[in-house]
Amino acid sequence: MNTLNKILIIGGGIGGLSTALSLHRKGIPCEVVELRRAWDVYHVGIGVSGNFLRALSVLGVADKALAAGFTFHGMVVCDVAGRELVRAPSARLSGENGQEFPGDLGLTRPALHEILTREVQSLGIPVRVGVTFTEIDDRGDHVAVSFTDGSRSDYALVVGADGAYSKVRSQLYGDRYVPRFTGQGVWRYNVKRPPDCDWGHIHKGKPGGAAGYLPLTQDTMYVFHVGAEPGNPRFPEDTLAEELRHRLEGFGGRIPAIREQIVDSRLVVYRPLETCLVRERWFKGRVMVLGDAAHSATPHVGQGAAMAVEDAVVLGEELSLGTSVPDALERFWTRRYDRVLFVAGSSIQLGEWEQHPTPDANPPALMLQVFQRVAEPI
């Protein structure tokens, strides 16, 4: 049993739950607080790569993610009309003990959330929902935390995994790091999957962005549109289906048939694309941030969830070595910073090129560099 005193994780999303699993499997006591009482996620899909599954395997849940999702063969890049330009098959990724993982998997966010929450609950990791911190007081040899339910406790370390609008990050850095609108927004909607749709597709050629679809399960896939949204507009909820259908006009291939399925505005998820990269150490003393709280980016390379889960794995590894917490955090940050900033920065760059093409822009080459980088050990 690791002798490190208990660790507090603030935030019960992908990063927070993965951190809880990582610490628990290293014998490090931890607990989670999550502000939302409902503790649910919006019903859209995500596409993930082999490095995400490799990291999940360390947490013991990769097989469950594979069972809940749909392994597809790779990505097909098309022009606006739907004519195939490039077909990029998935490359399998080797993990520990020679285990191999598919290069591309689609699954719904609720399915991933359920896998992580059930695993946390089955292991008896304490989780309090509807609770967050009111004060974090780093006293050098421990952190004293007061909570919104009136309780108070001491911890060896506080981990802020509370998302892009992280309150823990604000406590550490003030207003130096705040989410910035990139000029684009992403629209998503789940639809029926035709039986022969076993590749992801992305349609390029319209100024400002792209559209496409990815398989999620045997029965479903999701359609997406990433494009320029000048002025960062907000839309009445009852108009979202109409707005998404409008943005998919002019695309060919399967997309016209998919457009006809977009009828329920309540099931459309729209998010303005915002980024926030902490370009210094992700910790001060015994308080740190990870996942989107440290490096929220855009979805152009599909690595947001993977980077958060990798953070969790590396943190567990470094804290389990028995050295001081500050030394462990320094090693964690050294291992993660360059890798994460390259991946996140590349994603942001791809969005910039979609909006403002330059003569030297080479999205395929940059994407290849990202895939090569994330295939490396963490």
Protein backbone atom coordinates (compact mmCIF):
# COMPACT_ATOMS: atom_id res chain seq x y z
CA MET A 1 0.00 0.00 0.00
CA ASN A 2 1.36 3.42 -0.94
CA THR A 3 1.94 5.60 2.12
CA LEU A 4 1.07 8.88 0.41
CA ASN A 5 -1.78 10.64 2.24
CA LYS A 6 -5.08 11.06 0.43
CA ILE A 7 -5.42 13.24 -2.65
CA LEU A 8 -8.39 15.42 -3.57
CA ILE A 9 -9.59 15.47 -7.18
CA ILE A 10 -11.86 18.39 -8.07
CA GLY A 11 -14.00 17.49 -11.07
CA GLY A 12 -15.73 14.26 -12.06
CA GLY A 13 -15.25 14.32 -15.83
CA ILE A 14 -12.89 12.26 -17.98
CA GLY A 15 -9.74 13.73 -16.47
CA GLY A 16 -10.92 13.56 -12.87
CA LEU A 17 -12.30 10.03 -12.98
CA SER A 18 -9.26 8.76 -14.87
CA THR A 19 -7.02 10.33 -12.25
CA ALA A 20 -8.98 8.62 -9.48
CA LEU A 21 -8.56 5.25 -11.20
CA SER A 22 -4.87 5.85 -11.84
CA LEU A 23 -4.15 6.79 -8.23
CA HIS A 24 -6.25 3.96 -6.81
CA ARG A 25 -4.43 1.38 -8.90
CA LYS A 26 -1.15 2.69 -7.51
CA GLY A 27 -2.44 2.29 -3.97
CA ILE A 28 -2.82 6.04 -3.39
CA PRO A 29 -5.96 7.05 -1.44
CA CYS A 30 -8.07 9.68 -3.22
CA GLU A 31 -11.53 11.16 -3.33
CA VAL A 32 -13.51 13.13 -5.91
CA VAL A 33 -15.83 16.10 -5.61
CA GLU A 34 -18.07 17.07 -8.52
CA LEU A 35 -20.11 20.27 -8.58
CA ARG A 36 -22.97 18.96 -10.72
CA ARG A 37 -25.54 16.95 -8.81
CA ALA A 38 -26.77 15.22 -11.96
CA TRP A 39 -23.19 14.14 -12.82
CA ASP A 40 -24.04 13.44 -16.45
CA VAL A 41 -22.69 14.47 -19.86
CA TYR A 42 -24.28 15.64 -23.07
CA HIS A 43 -25.25 12.95 -25.57
CA VAL A 44 -22.82 13.22 -28.46
CA GLY A 45 -20.02 11.08 -29.75
CA ILE A 46 -16.27 11.27 -29.82
CA GLY A 47 -13.66 9.64 -32.00
CA VAL A 48 -10.53 8.44 -30.21
CA SER A 49 -7.21 6.96 -31.26
CA GLY A 50 -5.05 4.08 -30.13
CA ASN A 51 -3.13 6.13 -27.56
CA PHE A 52 -6.41 6.82 -25.75
CA LEU A 53 -7.11 3.09 -25.55
CA ARG A 54 -3.54 2.38 -24.50
CA ALA A 55 -3.94 4.81 -21.60
CA LEU A 56 -7.34 3.36 -20.68
CA SER A 57 -5.75 -0.09 -20.56
CA VAL A 58 -3.51 1.09 -17.71
CA LEU A 59 -6.69 2.06 -15.85
CA GLY A 60 -8.24 -1.35 -16.55
CA VAL A 61 -11.16 -0.21 -18.72
CA ALA A 62 -9.95 -0.33 -22.34
CA ASP A 63 -11.88 -3.53 -23.08
CA LYS A 64 -15.07 -1.93 -21.78
CA ALA A 65 -14.58 1.09 -24.04
CA LEU A 66 -14.03 -1.19 -27.03
CA ALA A 67 -17.20 -3.13 -26.22
CA ALA A 68 -19.24 0.06 -25.87
CA GLY A 69 -18.03 1.69 -29.09
CA PHE A 70 -17.38 0.91 -32.74
CA THR A 71 -13.95 0.24 -34.19
CA PHE A 72 -13.73 1.75 -37.66
CA HIS A 73 -11.11 1.37 -40.37
CA GLY A 74 -9.77 4.92 -40.62
CA MET A 75 -10.64 8.26 -42.22
CA VAL A 76 -11.73 9.12 -45.73
CA VAL A 77 -11.14 12.71 -46.81
CA CYS A 78 -13.61 13.92 -49.44
CA ASP A 79 -14.24 17.11 -51.34
CA VAL A 80 -17.41 19.09 -50.74
CA ALA A 81 -19.36 16.97 -53.23
CA GLY A 82 -18.34 13.76 -51.46
CA ARG A 83 -15.72 12.55 -53.94
CA GLU A 84 -12.96 10.63 -52.19
CA LEU A 85 -9.59 12.37 -52.13
CA VAL A 86 -7.57 10.39 -49.59
CA ARG A 87 -8.19 7.17 -47.65
CA ALA A 88 -6.07 6.85 -44.50
CA PRO A 89 -6.37 3.43 -42.83
CA SER A 90 -5.98 3.24 -39.06
CA ALA A 91 -2.64 2.12 -37.68
CA ARG A 92 -2.84 -0.25 -34.73
CA LEU A 93 -0.86 0.81 -31.67
CA SER A 94 1.13 -1.52 -29.43
CA GLY A 95 0.88 -1.18 -25.68
CA GLU A 96 2.35 -2.94 -22.71
CA ASN A 97 3.10 -6.67 -23.00
CA GLY A 98 2.64 -6.53 -26.76
CA GLN A 99 -1.08 -5.79 -26.57
CA GLU A 100 -2.40 -4.02 -29.65
CA PHE A 101 -5.14 -1.42 -29.85
CA PRO A 102 -7.25 -0.27 -32.81
CA GLY A 103 -6.24 3.04 -34.30
CA ASP A 104 -9.77 4.50 -34.37
CA LEU A 105 -12.76 4.02 -32.11
CA GLY A 106 -16.03 5.89 -31.94
CA LEU A 107 -18.20 5.90 -28.82
CA THR A 108 -20.74 8.10 -27.14
CA ARG A 109 -19.73 10.40 -24.31
CA PRO A 110 -22.43 8.97 -22.01
CA ALA A 111 -21.02 5.46 -22.62
CA LEU A 112 -17.50 6.59 -21.72
CA HIS A 113 -18.79 8.44 -18.66
CA GLU A 114 -20.70 5.38 -17.51
CA ILE A 115 -17.62 3.16 -17.90
CA LEU A 116 -15.49 5.49 -15.80
CA THR A 117 -18.11 6.18 -13.12
CA ARG A 118 -18.99 2.50 -12.70
CA GLU A 119 -15.33 1.59 -12.36
CA VAL A 120 -14.77 4.31 -9.76
CA GLN A 121 -17.85 3.20 -7.83
CA SER A 122 -16.98 -0.49 -8.04
CA LEU A 123 -13.56 0.23 -6.53
CA GLY A 124 -15.11 2.16 -3.66
CA ILE A 125 -13.42 5.46 -4.47
CA PRO A 126 -15.32 8.18 -2.55
CA VAL A 127 -17.22 10.64 -4.75
CA ARG A 128 -19.32 13.55 -3.50
CA VAL A 129 -21.62 15.17 -6.06
CA GLY A 130 -23.11 18.63 -5.74
CA VAL A 131 -19.98 19.68 -3.84
CA THR A 132 -16.93 21.77 -4.68
CA PHE A 133 -14.34 23.78 -2.79
CA THR A 134 -14.74 27.20 -1.23
CA GLU A 135 -11.13 27.62 -0.12
CA ILE A 136 -7.82 25.93 -0.89
CA ASP A 137 -5.06 26.74 1.59
CA ASP A 138 -1.65 25.30 0.69
CA ARG A 139 0.27 25.09 3.96
CA GLY A 140 3.46 23.65 2.57
CA ASP A 141 3.32 20.14 4.01
CA HIS A 142 -0.39 19.67 3.24
CA VAL A 143 -3.39 21.44 1.71
CA ALA A 144 -6.40 22.43 3.82
CA VAL A 145 -9.62 22.51 1.79
CA SER A 146 -13.04 23.85 2.77
CA PHE A 147 -16.13 22.72 0.85
CA THR A 148 -19.54 24.06 -0.09
CA ASP A 149 -21.23 21.47 2.14
CA GLY A 150 -19.53 22.99 5.18
CA SER A 151 -16.93 20.24 5.60
CA ARG A 152 -13.17 20.63 5.72
CA SER A 153 -10.28 18.21 5.22
CA ASP A 154 -6.51 18.03 4.68
CA TYR A 155 -4.78 16.52 1.65
CA ALA A 156 -1.30 15.73 0.39
CA LEU A 157 -2.24 17.14 -3.02
CA VAL A 158 -5.18 18.84 -4.73
CA VAL A 159 -5.77 18.02 -8.41
CA GLY A 160 -7.90 20.43 -10.43
CA ALA A 161 -9.63 18.45 -13.15
CA ASP A 162 -12.51 20.89 -13.37
CA GLY A 163 -12.51 21.64 -17.07
CA ALA A 164 -11.83 24.53 -19.40
CA TYR A 165 -13.34 27.07 -16.99
CA SER A 166 -11.38 25.66 -14.07
CA LYS A 167 -11.79 27.42 -10.73
CA VAL A 168 -8.64 25.70 -9.50
CA ARG A 169 -6.69 27.22 -12.40
CA SER A 170 -8.04 30.64 -11.47
CA GLN A 171 -6.86 30.10 -7.92
CA LEU A 172 -3.35 29.29 -9.15
CA TYR A 173 -2.91 31.87 -11.90
CA GLY A 174 -5.61 34.50 -11.48
CA ASP A 175 -6.86 35.74 -14.85
CA ARG A 176 -3.66 35.01 -16.79
CA TYR A 177 -5.25 31.98 -18.44
CA VAL A 178 -8.84 32.20 -19.65
CA PRO A 179 -10.58 30.43 -22.55
CA ARG A 180 -10.24 32.24 -25.88
CA PHE A 181 -12.74 31.89 -28.73
CA THR A 182 -11.00 30.64 -31.86
CA GLY A 183 -13.53 31.92 -34.37
CA GLN A 184 -15.04 28.49 -35.01
CA GLY A 185 -17.83 26.41 -33.50
CA VAL A 186 -18.61 22.69 -33.60
CA TRP A 187 -22.06 21.18 -34.17
CA ARG A 188 -22.86 17.51 -33.44
CA TYR A 189 -25.87 15.24 -33.76
CA ASN A 190 -26.32 11.47 -33.48
CA VAL A 191 -28.03 9.66 -36.36
CA LYS A 192 -28.56 6.12 -37.60
CA ARG A 193 -25.51 4.32 -38.97
CA PRO A 194 -25.94 2.62 -42.34
CA PRO A 195 -24.62 -0.96 -42.15
CA ASP A 196 -21.88 -0.24 -44.71
CA CYS A 197 -20.55 2.85 -42.92
CA ASP A 198 -17.37 1.57 -41.27
CA TRP A 199 -15.02 4.46 -42.06
CA GLY A 200 -15.02 7.98 -40.72
CA HIS A 201 -15.54 10.66 -43.35
CA ILE A 202 -14.60 14.32 -43.47
CA HIS A 203 -15.64 16.70 -46.26
CA LYS A 204 -13.27 19.57 -47.03
CA GLY A 205 -13.52 22.50 -49.38
CA LYS A 206 -15.95 24.97 -47.87
CA PRO A 207 -14.29 28.12 -46.55
CA GLY A 208 -13.87 28.22 -42.78
CA GLY A 209 -14.32 24.57 -41.83
CA ALA A 210 -15.46 21.06 -42.65
CA ALA A 211 -18.21 18.49 -42.07
CA GLY A 212 -18.23 14.75 -41.61
CA TYR A 213 -19.44 11.72 -39.68
CA LEU A 214 -18.02 8.91 -37.54
CA PRO A 215 -19.47 5.52 -36.52
CA LEU A 216 -20.29 5.25 -32.79
CA THR A 217 -22.04 1.91 -32.32
CA GLN A 218 -23.53 -0.85 -34.46
CA ASP A 219 -26.63 1.33 -34.83
CA THR A 220 -25.49 4.95 -34.57
CA MET A 221 -22.99 7.46 -35.87
CA TYR A 222 -22.62 11.18 -35.39
CA VAL A 223 -22.47 13.98 -37.88
CA PHE A 224 -20.42 17.07 -37.16
CA HIS A 225 -19.75 20.48 -38.63
CA VAL A 226 -16.77 22.61 -37.66
CA GLY A 227 -16.87 26.07 -39.16
CA ALA A 228 -16.43 29.78 -38.72
CA GLU A 229 -18.95 31.44 -36.40
CA PRO A 230 -18.20 35.16 -36.69
CA GLY A 231 -18.86 37.13 -33.52
CA ASN A 232 -19.27 34.02 -31.35
CA PRO A 233 -23.06 33.97 -31.68
CA ARG A 234 -25.55 32.30 -29.36
CA PHE A 235 -28.58 30.51 -30.78
CA PRO A 236 -32.11 29.97 -29.41
CA GLU A 237 -32.35 26.33 -28.40
CA ASP A 238 -35.37 25.64 -30.58
CA THR A 239 -33.47 26.70 -33.74
CA LEU A 240 -30.43 24.43 -33.39
CA ALA A 241 -31.64 21.70 -35.76
CA GLU A 242 -32.40 24.26 -38.44
CA GLU A 243 -29.02 25.95 -37.92
CA LEU A 244 -27.13 22.67 -38.29
CA ARG A 245 -29.09 21.63 -41.38
CA HIS A 246 -28.27 25.01 -42.90
CA ARG A 247 -24.53 24.53 -42.26
CA LEU A 248 -24.59 21.14 -43.96
CA GLU A 249 -26.12 22.52 -47.17
CA GLY A 250 -23.95 22.01 -50.21
CA PHE A 251 -22.14 18.92 -48.94
CA GLY A 252 -22.60 15.76 -50.98
CA GLY A 253 -22.10 12.04 -50.41
CA ARG A 254 -24.16 10.73 -47.50
CA ILE A 255 -24.63 14.13 -45.90
CA PRO A 256 -27.87 15.14 -47.67
CA ALA A 257 -29.53 11.97 -46.32
CA ILE A 258 -28.05 12.62 -42.89
CA ARG A 259 -29.44 16.18 -42.92
CA GLU A 260 -32.96 14.80 -43.14
CA GLN A 261 -32.47 13.03 -39.77
CA ILE A 262 -31.59 16.27 -37.94
CA VAL A 263 -35.03 17.16 -36.63
CA ASP A 264 -34.81 17.53 -32.84
CA SER A 265 -33.12 20.71 -31.63
CA ARG A 266 -32.91 19.25 -28.12
CA LEU A 267 -30.43 16.66 -29.41
CA VAL A 268 -28.18 19.11 -31.24
CA VAL A 269 -25.02 20.01 -29.35
CA TYR A 270 -23.33 23.26 -30.31
CA ARG A 271 -20.14 24.51 -28.69
CA PRO A 272 -18.03 27.53 -29.59
CA LEU A 273 -14.44 26.36 -29.89
CA GLU A 274 -12.30 27.87 -27.16
CA THR A 275 -8.73 27.20 -26.12
CA CYS A 276 -6.74 27.73 -22.95
CA LEU A 277 -3.15 26.50 -22.68
CA VAL A 278 -1.22 27.02 -19.45
CA ARG A 279 2.28 27.79 -20.70
CA GLU A 280 4.08 27.36 -17.41
CA ARG A 281 4.16 24.67 -14.74
CA TRP A 282 0.75 23.16 -14.15
CA PHE A 283 1.24 23.27 -10.39
CA LYS A 284 2.17 25.53 -7.53
CA GLY A 285 3.18 23.83 -4.33
CA ARG A 286 0.68 21.05 -3.69
CA VAL A 287 -2.07 22.26 -6.02
CA MET A 288 -2.14 21.35 -9.71
CA VAL A 289 -4.32 21.21 -12.81
CA LEU A 290 -4.55 18.66 -15.61
CA GLY A 291 -6.73 17.79 -18.59
CA ASP A 292 -8.80 20.67 -19.96
CA ALA A 293 -8.03 22.73 -16.87
CA ALA A 294 -4.41 22.88 -18.07
CA HIS A 295 -4.68 22.47 -21.84
CA SER A 296 -8.09 22.76 -23.48
CA ALA A 297 -7.79 22.82 -27.27
CA THR A 298 -9.96 22.23 -30.34
CA PRO A 299 -11.20 18.84 -31.66
CA HIS A 300 -9.30 18.95 -34.95
CA VAL A 301 -6.95 16.07 -34.03
CA GLY A 302 -9.38 14.21 -31.72
CA GLN A 303 -6.96 14.14 -28.78
CA GLY A 304 -8.66 16.07 -25.97
CA ALA A 305 -9.86 13.02 -24.03
CA ALA A 306 -6.65 11.11 -24.76
CA MET A 307 -4.44 13.86 -23.38
CA ALA A 308 -6.50 13.99 -20.17
CA VAL A 309 -6.32 10.22 -19.64
CA GLU A 310 -2.59 10.23 -20.37
CA ASP A 311 -2.18 12.99 -17.77
CA ALA A 312 -3.90 10.76 -15.24
CA VAL A 313 -1.71 7.75 -16.03
CA VAL A 314 1.53 9.71 -15.79
CA LEU A 315 0.51 11.41 -12.54
CA GLY A 316 -0.21 8.05 -10.93
CA GLU A 317 3.13 6.70 -12.09
CA GLU A 318 5.13 9.62 -10.76
CA LEU A 319 3.35 9.88 -7.40
CA SER A 320 3.81 6.15 -6.82
CA LEU A 321 7.61 6.38 -6.85
CA GLY A 322 7.75 7.43 -3.21
CA THR A 323 9.57 10.74 -3.68
CA SER A 324 8.29 14.10 -2.45
CA VAL A 325 5.11 15.52 -3.96
CA PRO A 326 6.94 18.55 -5.46
CA ASP A 327 9.51 16.27 -7.12
CA ALA A 328 6.77 14.02 -8.49
CA LEU A 329 4.87 16.99 -9.91
CA GLU A 330 8.01 18.34 -11.57
CA ARG A 331 8.63 14.99 -13.27
CA PHE A 332 4.98 14.75 -14.27
CA TRP A 333 5.06 18.20 -15.88
CA THR A 334 8.37 17.50 -17.63
CA ARG A 335 6.97 14.33 -19.16
CA ARG A 336 3.71 15.91 -20.26
CA TYR A 337 4.35 19.53 -21.25
CA ASP A 338 6.07 19.26 -24.64
CA ARG A 339 3.90 16.37 -25.79
CA VAL A 340 0.63 18.04 -24.83
CA LEU A 341 1.56 21.49 -26.12
CA PHE A 342 2.57 20.03 -29.48
CA VAL A 343 -0.69 18.11 -29.83
CA ALA A 344 -2.89 20.96 -28.58
CA GLY A 345 -1.00 23.58 -30.57
CA SER A 346 -1.26 21.52 -33.74
CA SER A 347 -5.01 21.19 -33.27
CA ILE A 348 -5.36 24.93 -32.87
CA GLN A 349 -3.15 25.51 -35.92
CA LEU A 350 -5.37 23.32 -38.08
CA GLY A 351 -8.37 25.43 -37.13
CA GLU A 352 -6.45 28.58 -37.95
CA TRP A 353 -5.56 27.24 -41.38
CA GLU A 354 -9.22 26.38 -42.03
CA GLN A 355 -10.16 29.98 -41.39
CA HIS A 356 -7.06 31.72 -42.72
CA PRO A 357 -5.19 29.58 -45.26
CA THR A 358 -1.55 30.45 -45.85
CA PRO A 359 0.81 29.39 -48.66
CA ASP A 360 2.81 27.20 -46.28
CA ALA A 361 -0.24 25.48 -44.74
CA ASN A 362 0.08 21.68 -44.89
CA PRO A 363 -2.66 20.08 -42.77
CA PRO A 364 -1.97 16.46 -43.86
CA ALA A 365 1.70 16.73 -42.90
CA LEU A 366 0.85 18.26 -39.54
CA MET A 367 -1.77 15.60 -38.84
CA LEU A 368 0.80 12.91 -39.63
CA GLN A 369 3.24 14.48 -37.18
CA VAL A 370 0.56 14.43 -34.49
CA PHE A 371 -0.27 10.76 -35.09
CA GLN A 372 3.44 9.88 -34.98
CA ARG A 373 3.89 11.81 -31.75
CA VAL A 374 0.95 10.30 -29.89
CA ALA A 375 2.04 6.81 -30.91
CA GLU A 376 5.24 7.34 -28.89
CA PRO A 377 5.31 6.15 -25.26
CA ILE A 378 3.94 8.62 -22.75
